[in-house]
C-alpha atoms as a PDB file:
ATOM      1  CA  UNK A   1       1.026  -9.317  49.291  1.00  0.00           C
ATOM      2  CA  UNK A   2      -0.877 -10.026  46.292  1.00  0.00           C
ATOM      3  CA  UNK A   3      -1.744  -6.198  46.079  1.00  0.00           C
ATOM      4  CA  UNK A   4       1.797  -5.589  45.959  1.00  0.00           C
ATOM      5  CA  UNK A   5       2.798  -8.132  43.541  1.00  0.00           C
ATOM      6  CA  UNK A   6       0.137  -7.145  41.001  1.00  0.00           C
ATOM      7  CA  UNK A   7       1.006  -3.621  41.475  1.00  0.00           C
ATOM      8  CA  UNK A   8       4.623  -4.295  40.678  1.00  0.00           C
ATOM      9  CA  UNK A   9       3.703  -6.383  37.958  1.00  0.00           C
ATOM     10  CA  UNK A  10       1.832  -3.102  36.322  1.00  0.00           C
ATOM     11  CA  UNK A  11       4.638  -0.749  37.083  1.00  0.00           C
ATOM     12  CA  UNK A  12       6.909  -3.013  35.437  1.00  0.00           C
ATOM     13  CA  UNK A  13       4.737  -3.238  32.248  1.00  0.00           C
ATOM     14  CA  UNK A  14       4.519   0.136  31.986  1.00  0.00           C
ATOM     15  CA  UNK A  15       8.001   0.721  32.180  1.00  0.00           C
ATOM     16  CA  UNK A  16       8.342  -1.682  28.852  1.00  0.00           C
ATOM     17  CA  UNK A  17       5.846   0.077  27.053  1.00  0.00           C
ATOM     18  CA  UNK A  18       7.364   3.669  27.759  1.00  0.00           C
ATOM     19  CA  UNK A  19      10.893   2.154  27.200  1.00  0.00           C
ATOM     20  CA  UNK A  20       9.272   0.833  23.968  1.00  0.00           C
ATOM     21  CA  UNK A  21       7.815   3.972  22.524  1.00  0.00           C
ATOM     22  CA  UNK A  22      10.930   6.031  23.740  1.00  0.00           C
ATOM     23  CA  UNK A  23      13.081   3.622  21.411  1.00  0.00           C
ATOM     24  CA  UNK A  24      10.325   3.715  18.396  1.00  0.00           C
ATOM     25  CA  UNK A  25      10.470   7.599  18.902  1.00  0.00           C
ATOM     26  CA  UNK A  26      14.112   7.703  18.422  1.00  0.00           C
ATOM     27  CA  UNK A  27      14.295   5.140  15.618  1.00  0.00           C
ATOM     28  CA  UNK A  28      11.414   7.047  13.631  1.00  0.00           C
ATOM     29  CA  UNK A  29      13.439  10.078  14.140  1.00  0.00           C
ATOM     30  CA  UNK A  30      16.406   8.554  12.798  1.00  0.00           C
ATOM     31  CA  UNK A  31      15.684   9.416   8.638  1.00  0.00           C
ATOM     32  CA  UNK A  32      14.750  12.505   9.482  1.00  0.00           C
ATOM     33  CA  UNK A  33      17.614  13.626  11.692  1.00  0.00           C
ATOM     34  CA  UNK A  34      20.079  12.592   9.200  1.00  0.00           C
ATOM     35  CA  UNK A  35      18.358  14.244   6.331  1.00  0.00           C
ATOM     36  CA  UNK A  36      18.245  17.635   8.099  1.00  0.00           C
ATOM     37  CA  UNK A  37      21.641  17.506   9.810  1.00  0.00           C
ATOM     38  CA  UNK A  38      23.197  17.049   6.497  1.00  0.00           C
ATOM     39  CA  UNK A  39      22.254  20.907   5.852  1.00  0.00           C
ATOM     40  CA  UNK A  40      24.511  22.072   8.515  1.00  0.00           C
ATOM     41  CA  UNK A  41      27.406  21.233   6.030  1.00  0.00           C
ATOM     42  CA  UNK A  42      25.719  22.598   3.246  1.00  0.00           C
ATOM     43  CA  UNK A  43      26.182  25.987   1.949  1.00  0.00           C
ATOM     44  CA  UNK A  44      25.284  28.275   3.744  1.00  0.00           C
ATOM     45  CA  UNK A  45      25.142  26.138   6.736  1.00  0.00           C
ATOM     46  CA  UNK A  46      22.160  25.945   8.621  1.00  0.00           C
ATOM     47  CA  UNK A  47      22.805  25.742  12.466  1.00  0.00           C
ATOM     48  CA  UNK A  48      19.784  26.073  13.476  1.00  0.00           C
ATOM     49  CA  UNK A  49      18.674  22.480  11.806  1.00  0.00           C
ATOM     50  CA  UNK A  50      19.912  20.753  15.306  1.00  0.00           C
ATOM     51  CA  UNK A  51      17.477  22.563  16.992  1.00  0.00           C
ATOM     52  CA  UNK A  52      14.979  21.153  14.547  1.00  0.00           C
ATOM     53  CA  UNK A  53      15.846  17.450  14.939  1.00  0.00           C
ATOM     54  CA  UNK A  54      16.164  18.012  18.761  1.00  0.00           C
ATOM     55  CA  UNK A  55      12.610  19.380  19.067  1.00  0.00           C
ATOM     56  CA  UNK A  56      11.077  16.137  17.418  1.00  0.00           C
ATOM     57  CA  UNK A  57      12.899  13.875  19.247  1.00  0.00           C
ATOM     58  CA  UNK A  58      13.142  15.534  22.784  1.00  0.00           C
ATOM     59  CA  UNK A  59       9.644  17.048  22.969  1.00  0.00           C
ATOM     60  CA  UNK A  60       7.813  13.568  22.110  1.00  0.00           C
ATOM     61  CA  UNK A  61      10.076  11.936  24.821  1.00  0.00           C
ATOM     62  CA  UNK A  62       9.199  14.593  27.547  1.00  0.00           C
ATOM     63  CA  UNK A  63       5.473  14.122  26.871  1.00  0.00           C
ATOM     64  CA  UNK A  64       5.887  10.736  26.572  1.00  0.00           C
ATOM     65  CA  UNK A  65       7.744  10.155  30.465  1.00  0.00           C
ATOM     66  CA  UNK A  66       5.425  13.071  31.906  1.00  0.00           C
ATOM     67  CA  UNK A  67       2.227  10.837  31.066  1.00  0.00           C
ATOM     68  CA  UNK A  68       4.109   7.970  32.125  1.00  0.00           C
ATOM     69  CA  UNK A  69       4.638   9.774  35.750  1.00  0.00           C
ATOM     70  CA  UNK A  70       1.098  10.819  35.648  1.00  0.00           C
ATOM     71  CA  UNK A  71      -0.950   8.349  34.583  1.00  0.00           C
ATOM     72  CA  UNK A  72       0.756   5.417  36.396  1.00  0.00           C
ATOM     73  CA  UNK A  73      -0.781   6.554  39.587  1.00  0.00           C
ATOM     74  CA  UNK A  74      -4.362   6.953  37.732  1.00  0.00           C
ATOM     75  CA  UNK A  75      -6.738   4.061  38.625  1.00  0.00           C
ATOM     76  CA  UNK A  76      -6.140   2.287  34.862  1.00  0.00           C
ATOM     77  CA  UNK A  77      -2.845   2.964  33.829  1.00  0.00           C
ATOM     78  CA  UNK A  78      -2.731  -0.142  31.739  1.00  0.00           C
ATOM     79  CA  UNK A  79      -5.426   1.441  29.293  1.00  0.00           C
ATOM     80  CA  UNK A  80      -4.886   5.099  29.833  1.00  0.00           C
ATOM     81  CA  UNK A  81      -0.696   5.305  29.190  1.00  0.00           C
ATOM     82  CA  UNK A  82      -0.634   3.194  26.087  1.00  0.00           C
ATOM     83  CA  UNK A  83      -3.454   5.294  24.650  1.00  0.00           C
ATOM     84  CA  UNK A  84      -1.575   8.423  25.625  1.00  0.00           C
ATOM     85  CA  UNK A  85       1.754   6.909  24.085  1.00  0.00           C
ATOM     86  CA  UNK A  86       0.102   6.142  21.123  1.00  0.00           C
ATOM     87  CA  UNK A  87      -1.181   9.490  20.317  1.00  0.00           C
ATOM     88  CA  UNK A  88       2.119  10.893  21.210  1.00  0.00           C
ATOM     89  CA  UNK A  89       3.809   9.130  18.739  1.00  0.00           C
ATOM     90  CA  UNK A  90       1.051   9.232  16.082  1.00  0.00           C
ATOM     91  CA  UNK A  91       1.407  13.321  16.496  1.00  0.00           C
ATOM     92  CA  UNK A  92       4.984  13.063  16.128  1.00  0.00           C
ATOM     93  CA  UNK A  93       4.724  11.124  13.134  1.00  0.00           C
ATOM     94  CA  UNK A  94       2.364  12.821  11.215  1.00  0.00           C
ATOM     95  CA  UNK A  95       4.382  16.134  11.782  1.00  0.00           C
ATOM     96  CA  UNK A  96       7.568  14.531  10.876  1.00  0.00           C
ATOM     97  CA  UNK A  97       8.450  16.162   7.588  1.00  0.00           C
ATOM     98  CA  UNK A  98      10.779  13.550   6.386  1.00  0.00           C
ATOM     99  CA  UNK A  99       8.995  10.073   7.386  1.00  0.00           C
ATOM    100  CA  UNK A 100      10.569   7.611   9.479  1.00  0.00           C
ATOM    101  CA  UNK A 101      10.102   3.408   8.729  1.00  0.00           C
ATOM    102  CA  UNK A 102       6.300   3.394  10.294  1.00  0.00           C
ATOM    103  CA  UNK A 103       5.262   6.461   8.840  1.00  0.00           C
ATOM    104  CA  UNK A 104       6.756   5.529   5.447  1.00  0.00           C
ATOM    105  CA  UNK A 105       5.089   2.117   5.911  1.00  0.00           C
ATOM    106  CA  UNK A 106       1.730   3.530   6.223  1.00  0.00           C
ATOM    107  CA  UNK A 107       2.379   5.721   3.514  1.00  0.00           C
ATOM    108  CA  UNK A 108       3.393   2.671   1.141  1.00  0.00           C
ATOM    109  CA  UNK A 109       0.187   0.778   2.059  1.00  0.00           C
ATOM    110  CA  UNK A 110      -1.703   3.796   1.030  1.00  0.00           C
ATOM    111  CA  UNK A 111      -0.199   4.691  -2.188  1.00  0.00           C
ATOM    112  CA  UNK A 112      -0.495   1.006  -3.187  1.00  0.00           C
ATOM    113  CA  UNK A 113      -4.471   1.565  -2.123  1.00  0.00           C
ATOM    114  CA  UNK A 114      -4.456   4.308  -4.493  1.00  0.00           C
ATOM    115  CA  UNK A 115      -2.795   2.479  -7.678  1.00  0.00           C
ATOM    116  CA  UNK A 116      -5.063  -0.503  -7.356  1.00  0.00           C
ATOM    117  CA  UNK A 117      -8.099   1.932  -8.271  1.00  0.00           C
ATOM    118  CA  UNK A 118      -6.044   2.988 -11.344  1.00  0.00           C
ATOM    119  CA  UNK A 119      -8.256   1.588 -14.660  1.00  0.00           C
ATOM    120  CA  UNK A 120      -8.337   1.662 -18.231  1.00  0.00           C
ATOM    121  CA  UNK A 121     -11.539   3.560 -19.936  1.00  0.00           C
ATOM    122  CA  UNK A 122     -10.978   2.817 -23.531  1.00  0.00           C
ATOM    123  CA  UNK A 123      -8.121   2.172 -26.247  1.00  0.00           C
ATOM    124  CA  UNK A 124      -6.985   2.255 -29.729  1.00  0.00           C
ATOM    125  CA  UNK A 125      -4.076   1.441 -32.299  1.00  0.00           C
ATOM    126  CA  UNK A 126      -2.902   2.754 -35.688  1.00  0.00           C
ATOM    127  CA  UNK A 127       0.354   2.136 -37.650  1.00  0.00           C
ATOM    128  CA  UNK A 128       3.061   4.498 -36.512  1.00  0.00           C
ATOM    129  CA  UNK A 129       4.310   6.591 -39.767  1.00  0.00           C
ATOM    130  CA  UNK A 130       7.497   8.250 -40.559  1.00  0.00           C
ATOM    131  CA  UNK A 131       7.786  11.581 -41.965  1.00  0.00           C
ATOM    132  CA  UNK A 132       7.580   9.651 -45.394  1.00  0.00           C
ATOM    133  CA  UNK A 133       4.287   7.780 -44.436  1.00  0.00           C
ATOM    134  CA  UNK A 134       5.957   4.374 -43.834  1.00  0.00           C
ATOM    135  CA  UNK A 135       4.990   2.370 -41.232  1.00  0.00           C
ATOM    136  CA  UNK A 136       7.764   1.436 -38.740  1.00  0.00           C
ATOM    137  CA  UNK A 137       5.642   0.626 -35.660  1.00  0.00           C
ATOM    138  CA  UNK A 138       2.246   1.069 -33.799  1.00  0.00           C
ATOM    139  CA  UNK A 139       0.695   4.191 -32.081  1.00  0.00           C
ATOM    140  CA  UNK A 140      -1.421   3.522 -29.198  1.00  0.00           C
ATOM    141  CA  UNK A 141      -4.209   5.736 -27.908  1.00  0.00           C
ATOM    142  CA  UNK A 142      -5.481   4.743 -24.099  1.00  0.00           C
ATOM    143  CA  UNK A 143      -7.289   6.720 -21.533  1.00  0.00           C
ATOM    144  CA  UNK A 144      -6.169   5.891 -17.622  1.00  0.00           C
ATOM    145  CA  UNK A 145      -8.767   6.709 -14.835  1.00  0.00           C
ATOM    146  CA  UNK A 146      -6.637   8.255 -11.709  1.00  0.00           C
ATOM    147  CA  UNK A 147      -8.920   8.765  -8.899  1.00  0.00           C
ATOM    148  CA  UNK A 148      -6.078  10.114  -6.699  1.00  0.00           C
ATOM    149  CA  UNK A 149      -3.624  12.443  -7.400  1.00  0.00           C
ATOM    150  CA  UNK A 150       0.008  11.690  -7.167  1.00  0.00           C
ATOM    151  CA  UNK A 151       3.136  10.823  -8.956  1.00  0.00           C
ATOM    152  CA  UNK A 152       3.006   7.509 -10.728  1.00  0.00           C
ATOM    153  CA  UNK A 153       6.048   5.480 -12.523  1.00  0.00           C
ATOM    154  CA  UNK A 154       4.400   4.290 -15.623  1.00  0.00           C
ATOM    155  CA  UNK A 155       5.946   1.126 -17.894  1.00  0.00           C
ATOM    156  CA  UNK A 156       4.483   0.203 -21.152  1.00  0.00           C
ATOM    157  CA  UNK A 157       5.254  -3.117 -22.839  1.00  0.00           C
ATOM    158  CA  UNK A 158       4.354  -5.028 -25.948  1.00  0.00           C
ATOM    159  CA  UNK A 159       4.531  -8.331 -27.276  1.00  0.00           C
ATOM    160  CA  UNK A 160       2.860 -10.344 -30.019  1.00  0.00           C
ATOM    161  CA  UNK A 161      -0.019 -12.557 -29.016  1.00  0.00           C
ATOM    162  CA  UNK A 162       0.926 -15.368 -30.548  1.00  0.00           C
ATOM    163  CA  UNK A 163       3.913 -15.649 -28.281  1.00  0.00           C
ATOM    164  CA  UNK A 164       2.402 -16.806 -24.489  1.00  0.00           C
ATOM    165  CA  UNK A 165       4.459 -15.201 -22.007  1.00  0.00           C
ATOM    166  CA  UNK A 166       5.759 -17.356 -18.968  1.00  0.00           C
ATOM    167  CA  UNK A 167       6.408 -16.652 -15.588  1.00  0.00           C
ATOM    168  CA  UNK A 168       9.923 -16.415 -15.787  1.00  0.00           C
ATOM    169  CA  UNK A 169       9.388 -13.648 -18.518  1.00  0.00           C
ATOM    170  CA  UNK A 170       7.732 -11.372 -15.935  1.00  0.00           C
ATOM    171  CA  UNK A 171       5.358  -9.691 -18.340  1.00  0.00           C
ATOM    172  CA  UNK A 172       8.347  -8.430 -20.656  1.00  0.00           C
ATOM    173  CA  UNK A 173       9.118 -10.158 -24.002  1.00  0.00           C
ATOM    174  CA  UNK A 174      12.873 -10.082 -24.678  1.00  0.00           C
ATOM    175  CA  UNK A 175      12.732 -11.259 -28.362  1.00  0.00           C
ATOM    176  CA  UNK A 176      12.966  -9.164 -31.429  1.00  0.00           C
ATOM    177  CA  UNK A 177       9.343  -9.327 -32.269  1.00  0.00           C
ATOM    178  CA  UNK A 178       8.729  -7.379 -29.425  1.00  0.00           C
ATOM    179  CA  UNK A 179       7.853  -3.602 -29.505  1.00  0.00           C
ATOM    180  CA  UNK A 180       9.257  -0.852 -27.228  1.00  0.00           C
ATOM    181  CA  UNK A 181       7.631   2.504 -26.524  1.00  0.00           C
ATOM    182  CA  UNK A 182       9.942   5.276 -28.466  1.00  0.00           C
ATOM    183  CA  UNK A 183      10.539   7.210 -25.037  1.00  0.00           C
ATOM    184  CA  UNK A 184      11.779   4.240 -23.526  1.00  0.00           C
ATOM    185  CA  UNK A 185       9.056   1.970 -21.209  1.00  0.00           C
ATOM    186  CA  UNK A 186       9.923   4.204 -17.863  1.00  0.00           C
ATOM    187  CA  UNK A 187       7.995   7.190 -17.603  1.00  0.00           C
ATOM    188  CA  UNK A 188       6.677   9.312 -14.362  1.00  0.00           C
ATOM    189  CA  UNK A 189       3.210  10.726 -14.779  1.00  0.00           C
ATOM    190  CA  UNK A 190       2.077  13.458 -12.277  1.00  0.00           C
ATOM    191  CA  UNK A 191      -1.971  14.039 -12.048  1.00  0.00           C
ATOM    192  CA  UNK A 192      -4.695  15.462 -10.223  1.00  0.00           C
ATOM    193  CA  UNK A 193      -7.168  13.487  -8.166  1.00  0.00           C
ATOM    194  CA  UNK A 194     -10.399  12.031  -9.956  1.00  0.00           C
ATOM    195  CA  UNK A 195      -8.966  12.770 -13.505  1.00  0.00           C
ATOM    196  CA  UNK A 196      -8.893  10.862 -16.931  1.00  0.00           C
ATOM    197  CA  UNK A 197      -5.377  10.902 -18.885  1.00  0.00           C
ATOM    198  CA  UNK A 198      -5.289  10.679 -22.325  1.00  0.00           C
ATOM    199  CA  UNK A 199      -1.974   9.005 -23.266  1.00  0.00           C
ATOM    200  CA  UNK A 200      -0.877   8.849 -27.044  1.00  0.00           C
ATOM    201  CA  UNK A 201       2.666   6.592 -27.226  1.00  0.00           C
ATOM    202  CA  UNK A 202       4.358   5.222 -30.471  1.00  0.00           C
ATOM    203  CA  UNK A 203       6.202   1.507 -30.217  1.00  0.00           C
ATOM    204  CA  UNK A 204       8.661   0.826 -32.620  1.00  0.00           C
ATOM    205  CA  UNK A 205      10.587  -2.674 -32.910  1.00  0.00           C
ATOM    206  CA  UNK A 206      13.904  -3.180 -30.826  1.00  0.00           C
ATOM    207  CA  UNK A 207      16.122  -3.249 -34.080  1.00  0.00           C
ATOM    208  CA  UNK A 208      14.779   0.520 -34.889  1.00  0.00           C
ATOM    209  CA  UNK A 209      15.977   2.908 -32.297  1.00  0.00           C
ATOM    210  CA  UNK A 210      15.204   6.938 -31.879  1.00  0.00           C
ATOM    211  CA  UNK A 211      17.785   9.464 -31.118  1.00  0.00           C
ATOM    212  CA  UNK A 212      16.051  12.420 -29.326  1.00  0.00           C
ATOM    213  CA  UNK A 213      18.895  14.928 -29.664  1.00  0.00           C
ATOM    214  CA  UNK A 214      18.796  14.556 -33.599  1.00  0.00           C
ATOM    215  CA  UNK A 215      14.927  13.627 -33.993  1.00  0.00           C
ATOM    216  CA  UNK A 216      15.691  10.666 -36.127  1.00  0.00           C
ATOM    217  CA  UNK A 217      15.590   6.947 -36.167  1.00  0.00           C
ATOM    218  CA  UNK A 218      18.300   4.594 -36.869  1.00  0.00           C
ATOM    219  CA  UNK A 219      18.335   0.512 -37.675  1.00  0.00           C
ATOM    220  CA  UNK A 220      20.441  -2.149 -35.626  1.00  0.00           C
ATOM    221  CA  UNK A 221      22.921  -3.578 -37.674  1.00  0.00           C
ATOM    222  CA  UNK A 222      21.739  -7.078 -35.860  1.00  0.00           C
ATOM    223  CA  UNK A 223      17.836  -6.206 -37.161  1.00  0.00           C
ATOM    224  CA  UNK A 224      17.873  -9.260 -39.302  1.00  0.00           C
ATOM    225  CA  UNK A 225      19.142 -11.505 -36.253  1.00  0.00           C
ATOM    226  CA  UNK A 226      16.517 -10.099 -33.960  1.00  0.00           C
ATOM    227  CA  UNK A 227      13.871 -10.948 -36.590  1.00  0.00           C
ATOM    228  CA  UNK A 228      14.525 -14.492 -36.749  1.00  0.00           C
ATOM    229  CA  UNK A 229      11.179 -15.068 -34.169  1.00  0.00           C
ATOM    230  CA  UNK A 230       9.155 -12.918 -36.181  1.00  0.00           C
ATOM    231  CA  UNK A 231       5.474 -14.567 -36.046  1.00  0.00           C
ATOM    232  CA  UNK A 232       4.013 -12.489 -39.213  1.00  0.00           C
ATOM    233  CA  UNK A 233       0.818 -10.410 -39.025  1.00  0.00           C
ATOM    234  CA  UNK A 234      -0.104 -10.646 -35.574  1.00  0.00           C
ATOM    235  CA  UNK A 235      -2.060  -8.600 -32.721  1.00  0.00           C
ATOM    236  CA  UNK A 236       0.056  -7.403 -29.994  1.00  0.00           C
ATOM    237  CA  UNK A 237      -0.456  -7.571 -26.275  1.00  0.00           C
ATOM    238  CA  UNK A 238      -0.194  -4.466 -24.582  1.00  0.00           C
ATOM    239  CA  UNK A 239       0.668  -4.346 -21.072  1.00  0.00           C
ATOM    240  CA  UNK A 240       0.723  -1.057 -18.931  1.00  0.00           C
ATOM    241  CA  UNK A 241       2.213  -1.197 -15.122  1.00  0.00           C
ATOM    242  CA  UNK A 242       1.785   1.375 -12.797  1.00  0.00           C
ATOM    243  CA  UNK A 243       3.756   1.990  -9.248  1.00  0.00           C
ATOM    244  CA  UNK A 244       3.688   4.287  -6.758  1.00  0.00           C
ATOM    245  CA  UNK A 245       6.157   7.330  -5.806  1.00  0.00           C
ATOM    246  CA  UNK A 246       7.038   5.513  -2.551  1.00  0.00           C
ATOM    247  CA  UNK A 247       5.329   1.461  -2.665  1.00  0.00           C
ATOM    248  CA  UNK A 248       6.674  -1.974  -1.796  1.00  0.00           C
ATOM    249  CA  UNK A 249       8.436  -3.805  -5.142  1.00  0.00           C
ATOM    250  CA  UNK A 250       5.149  -6.077  -5.731  1.00  0.00           C
ATOM    251  CA  UNK A 251       2.656  -3.146  -5.578  1.00  0.00           C
ATOM    252  CA  UNK A 252       2.025  -2.833  -9.123  1.00  0.00           C
ATOM    253  CA  UNK A 253      -0.779  -2.318 -11.034  1.00  0.00           C
ATOM    254  CA  UNK A 254      -1.059  -4.027 -14.114  1.00  0.00           C
ATOM    255  CA  UNK A 255      -3.547  -3.100 -17.307  1.00  0.00           C
ATOM    256  CA  UNK A 256      -4.051  -4.671 -20.247  1.00  0.00           C
ATOM    257  CA  UNK A 257      -5.666  -4.527 -23.766  1.00  0.00           C
ATOM    258  CA  UNK A 258      -4.920  -5.845 -27.006  1.00  0.00           C
ATOM    259  CA  UNK A 259      -4.456  -3.978 -30.543  1.00  0.00           C
ATOM    260  CA  UNK A 260      -7.622  -4.370 -32.939  1.00  0.00           C
ATOM    261  CA  UNK A 261      -5.192  -4.184 -35.994  1.00  0.00           C
ATOM    262  CA  UNK A 262      -2.629  -6.595 -36.808  1.00  0.00           C
ATOM    263  CA  UNK A 263       1.203  -5.729 -37.367  1.00  0.00           C
ATOM    264  CA  UNK A 264       4.050  -7.563 -39.128  1.00  0.00           C
ATOM    265  CA  UNK A 265       7.395  -6.529 -37.390  1.00  0.00           C
ATOM    266  CA  UNK A 266       9.128  -7.515 -40.895  1.00  0.00           C
ATOM    267  CA  UNK A 267       7.062  -4.677 -42.753  1.00  0.00           C
ATOM    268  CA  UNK A 268       8.482  -2.497 -40.305  1.00  0.00           C
ATOM    269  CA  UNK A 269      11.926  -3.745 -41.214  1.00  0.00           C
ATOM    270  CA  UNK A 270      11.162  -3.044 -44.908  1.00  0.00           C
ATOM    271  CA  UNK A 271       9.807   0.175 -44.417  1.00  0.00           C
ATOM    272  CA  UNK A 272      13.120   1.022 -42.832  1.00  0.00           C
ATOM    273  CA  UNK A 273      15.349  -0.186 -45.790  1.00  0.00           C
ATOM    274  CA  UNK A 274      13.347   1.435 -48.161  1.00  0.00           C
ATOM    275  CA  UNK A 275      14.324   4.789 -46.388  1.00  0.00           C
ATOM    276  CA  UNK A 276      17.613   4.098 -46.094  1.00  0.00           C
ATOM    277  CA  UNK A 277      17.606   4.324 -42.549  1.00  0.00           C
ATOM    278  CA  UNK A 278      21.251   5.196 -41.184  1.00  0.00           C
ATOM    279  CA  UNK A 279      22.867   2.117 -39.157  1.00  0.00           C
ATOM    280  CA  UNK A 280      23.212   2.536 -35.610  1.00  0.00           C
ATOM    281  CA  UNK A 281      26.629   3.108 -34.162  1.00  0.00           C
ATOM    282  CA  UNK A 282      27.357   0.357 -31.736  1.00  0.00           C
END
């Protein structure tokens, strides 16, 4: 009687494992199926896409239930079948061209590990000069070591060291004394593995804007108001945020350095006025 009860318990457990992996296989294929099936309605249509999606779903399911039918009669089905189910699922997941929730989670964890390995090798700074030779910002140069290749979003923020940032600032100074990279804070960097990347970036005050199409600068009408909190001649804190192409939101590597030279935002304003920099249109 005990043997029958134990055998029935094993069969129920095996069924639960089989159905759990079946649901997991289908769920993992949903993003891939949605991505692939859209091509059916593209021009030209790709009707064979449904066959590709079906293969990724039904082949693993067929192997899973075939393993269940064969291994449930073996000596240690509660050990052999879960192992076989994991192998089938992980093989399918590895081969999926478009990652599902499980694969995406592993990719995020792996990419997070890569961005935390990014380091800062050296840094320097100098005044950023206009074509007439007047300072209107700070030129930064620094080298980043990138152990792992990939595509990284990079953010660069500058703020005066005299103003301590609070947690509410999230590391970003919104005052007029802060400087902003000419190409805007957000950039994408694609690198090979085990490389050192030298970056040159120019940063200007928020009241000076750059028009890339005309290759010229303009002065904000609110420049004087933005300079009310000007701390005078100070060093600047440079914060470089390195993210991943597909990572969790809180997976960001933070690199810091301070400028060796001191700068005064008011001097940048005087240079703009001296050059008769046009006002920006609102």
